[in-house]
Protein backbone atom coordinates (compact mmCIF):
# COMPACT_ATOMS: atom_id res chain seq x y z
CA MET A 1 3.33 23.58 63.93
CA ASP A 2 6.73 23.57 62.62
CA PHE A 3 7.54 25.84 59.56
CA HIS A 4 10.71 24.19 59.26
CA SER A 5 9.63 20.59 58.49
CA ASP A 6 9.53 19.37 55.67
CA ASP A 7 7.09 16.15 57.23
CA GLN A 8 4.39 17.11 55.56
CA TYR A 9 6.07 17.48 51.78
CA ASN A 10 7.56 14.54 51.32
CA GLY A 11 10.42 16.16 50.35
CA TYR A 12 9.00 16.88 47.12
CA GLY A 13 7.77 20.23 47.50
CA THR A 14 3.86 19.03 46.99
CA PRO A 15 1.45 18.33 50.23
CA ASN A 16 1.07 14.78 50.66
CA ARG A 17 1.41 14.13 46.93
CA PRO A 18 3.82 10.83 45.76
CA PRO A 19 6.46 11.69 43.60
CA LEU A 20 5.56 10.52 39.52
CA GLN A 21 6.15 7.20 38.65
CA PRO A 22 8.04 6.76 35.10
CA ARG A 23 5.11 4.81 33.76
CA ASP A 24 2.99 7.99 34.27
CA ALA A 25 5.74 9.98 32.28
CA MET A 26 5.22 7.51 29.22
CA THR A 27 1.47 7.43 29.65
CA SER A 28 1.52 11.26 29.62
CA ALA A 29 4.01 10.83 26.23
CA SER A 30 1.63 7.89 24.71
CA ILE A 31 -1.46 10.47 25.41
CA VAL A 32 0.50 13.60 23.63
CA LEU A 33 1.55 11.39 20.68
CA SER A 34 -1.99 9.90 20.23
CA ALA A 35 -3.38 13.57 20.25
CA ILE A 36 -0.62 14.44 17.57
CA ALA A 37 -1.64 11.53 15.41
CA ILE A 38 -4.98 12.64 15.58
CA ALA A 39 -4.00 16.18 14.30
CA THR A 40 -2.01 14.98 11.63
CA SER A 41 -3.75 12.07 10.11
CA CYS A 42 -3.49 13.86 6.64
CA CYS A 43 -0.24 13.46 6.72
CA ILE A 44 0.83 9.84 6.40
CA TYR A 45 4.29 9.35 7.66
CA ALA A 46 3.54 11.50 10.88
CA SER A 47 0.18 10.16 11.71
CA ILE A 48 1.64 6.51 11.55
CA VAL A 49 4.55 7.11 13.43
CA CYS A 50 3.35 9.23 15.96
CA GLY A 51 0.34 6.91 16.56
CA ALA A 52 2.34 3.53 16.49
CA LEU A 53 5.00 5.27 19.22
CA SER A 54 2.13 5.81 21.57
CA ILE A 55 0.48 2.57 21.14
CA ILE A 56 4.35 1.15 22.20
CA LEU A 57 4.77 4.05 25.23
CA ALA A 58 1.18 2.94 26.30
CA LEU A 59 1.95 -0.87 26.62
CA LEU A 60 5.35 0.05 28.26
CA SER A 61 3.54 2.41 30.82
CA ARG A 62 1.76 -0.69 31.88
CA GLY A 63 4.97 -2.20 33.35
CA GLU A 64 4.11 -5.01 35.58
CA GLN A 65 0.57 -4.79 36.13
CA LYS A 66 -1.29 -7.08 34.08
CA LYS A 67 -4.01 -3.95 33.35
CA LEU A 68 -3.55 -0.45 31.47
CA SER A 69 -4.65 2.34 33.34
CA PRO A 70 -7.90 4.28 31.40
CA GLN A 71 -5.39 7.04 30.36
CA GLY A 72 -3.13 4.52 28.46
CA LYS A 73 -6.49 2.56 27.20
CA LEU A 74 -7.71 6.05 25.51
CA ALA A 75 -3.93 6.39 24.14
CA ILE A 76 -4.24 3.17 22.37
CA THR A 77 -7.48 3.48 21.00
CA THR A 78 -7.18 7.45 20.13
CA SER A 79 -3.88 6.07 18.08
CA VAL A 80 -5.83 3.54 16.33
CA VAL A 81 -8.53 5.57 15.09
CA ALA A 82 -6.04 7.89 13.86
CA ILE A 83 -3.75 5.05 12.02
CA VAL A 84 -6.74 3.77 10.43
CA LEU A 85 -8.12 7.23 9.50
CA THR A 86 -4.59 7.60 7.77
CA VAL A 87 -4.56 4.72 5.48
CA ALA A 88 -8.56 5.04 4.62
CA THR A 89 -7.56 8.64 4.11
CA THR A 90 -4.68 7.38 1.79
CA GLY A 91 -5.92 4.44 -0.05
CA TYR A 92 -9.16 6.47 -0.89
CA MET A 93 -6.82 9.11 -2.45
CA LEU A 94 -4.70 6.66 -4.31
CA PHE A 95 -8.37 4.94 -5.21
CA THR A 96 -9.56 8.37 -6.72
CA THR A 97 -6.51 8.94 -8.45
CA ILE A 98 -6.36 5.70 -10.28
CA ARG A 99 -9.89 5.99 -11.06
CA GLU A 100 -9.74 9.39 -12.31
CA TYR A 101 -6.10 9.25 -14.67
CA GLY A 102 -5.95 4.99 -15.21
CA SER A 103 -2.72 4.81 -13.18
CA ILE A 104 -0.14 6.61 -11.31
CA GLU A 105 1.99 7.37 -14.12
CA ASN A 106 -0.95 9.02 -16.10
CA PHE A 107 -1.12 11.27 -13.24
CA MET A 108 2.17 12.22 -12.87
CA LYS A 109 2.44 13.24 -16.83
CA ALA A 110 -1.15 15.39 -16.21
CA TYR A 111 0.77 16.63 -13.48
CA SER A 112 3.81 17.86 -14.75
CA GLU A 113 2.35 19.62 -18.25
CA LEU A 114 0.19 21.55 -15.60
CA PHE A 115 3.31 22.45 -13.87
CA GLU A 116 5.24 23.21 -17.22
CA ASN A 117 2.06 25.20 -18.29
CA MET A 118 1.62 27.44 -15.44
CA THR A 119 5.72 28.16 -14.71
CA GLY A 120 7.53 27.60 -17.82
CA THR A 121 10.03 24.94 -16.78
CA PRO A 122 9.67 21.34 -16.96
CA LEU A 123 8.95 19.05 -13.44
CA PHE A 124 11.03 16.49 -14.93
CA PRO A 125 13.61 18.60 -17.04
CA GLU A 126 15.77 14.97 -17.83
CA GLY A 127 12.42 14.28 -19.22
CA GLY A 128 11.33 12.13 -16.90
CA VAL A 129 7.73 10.78 -16.58
């Protein structure tokens, strides 16, 4: 046994393991972004941006192959669920606000009055809403 030989390590420090491909890195990034999208589904912008980027990276990780890897499929599915959850939550919030106050403008007036009563300063000093 030759202890000075790197033949078994393929030159990468891990025995008999091929080097990572760029598509593996994109798939990993896609999975991480889809997890962030699910975790931030209550935040409109973060969830949609992370979910969209995750879908793009998962599709790009396919490369020249015709099929997605199982991890890519998981990332796309998770991202779509996160985006749908975000849109549904936001839609429900807007629907409930309009049903309760009649319009977004009435909601802003009620919020402005509540803010002024609690802090003593107007929310919109110029007489906005």
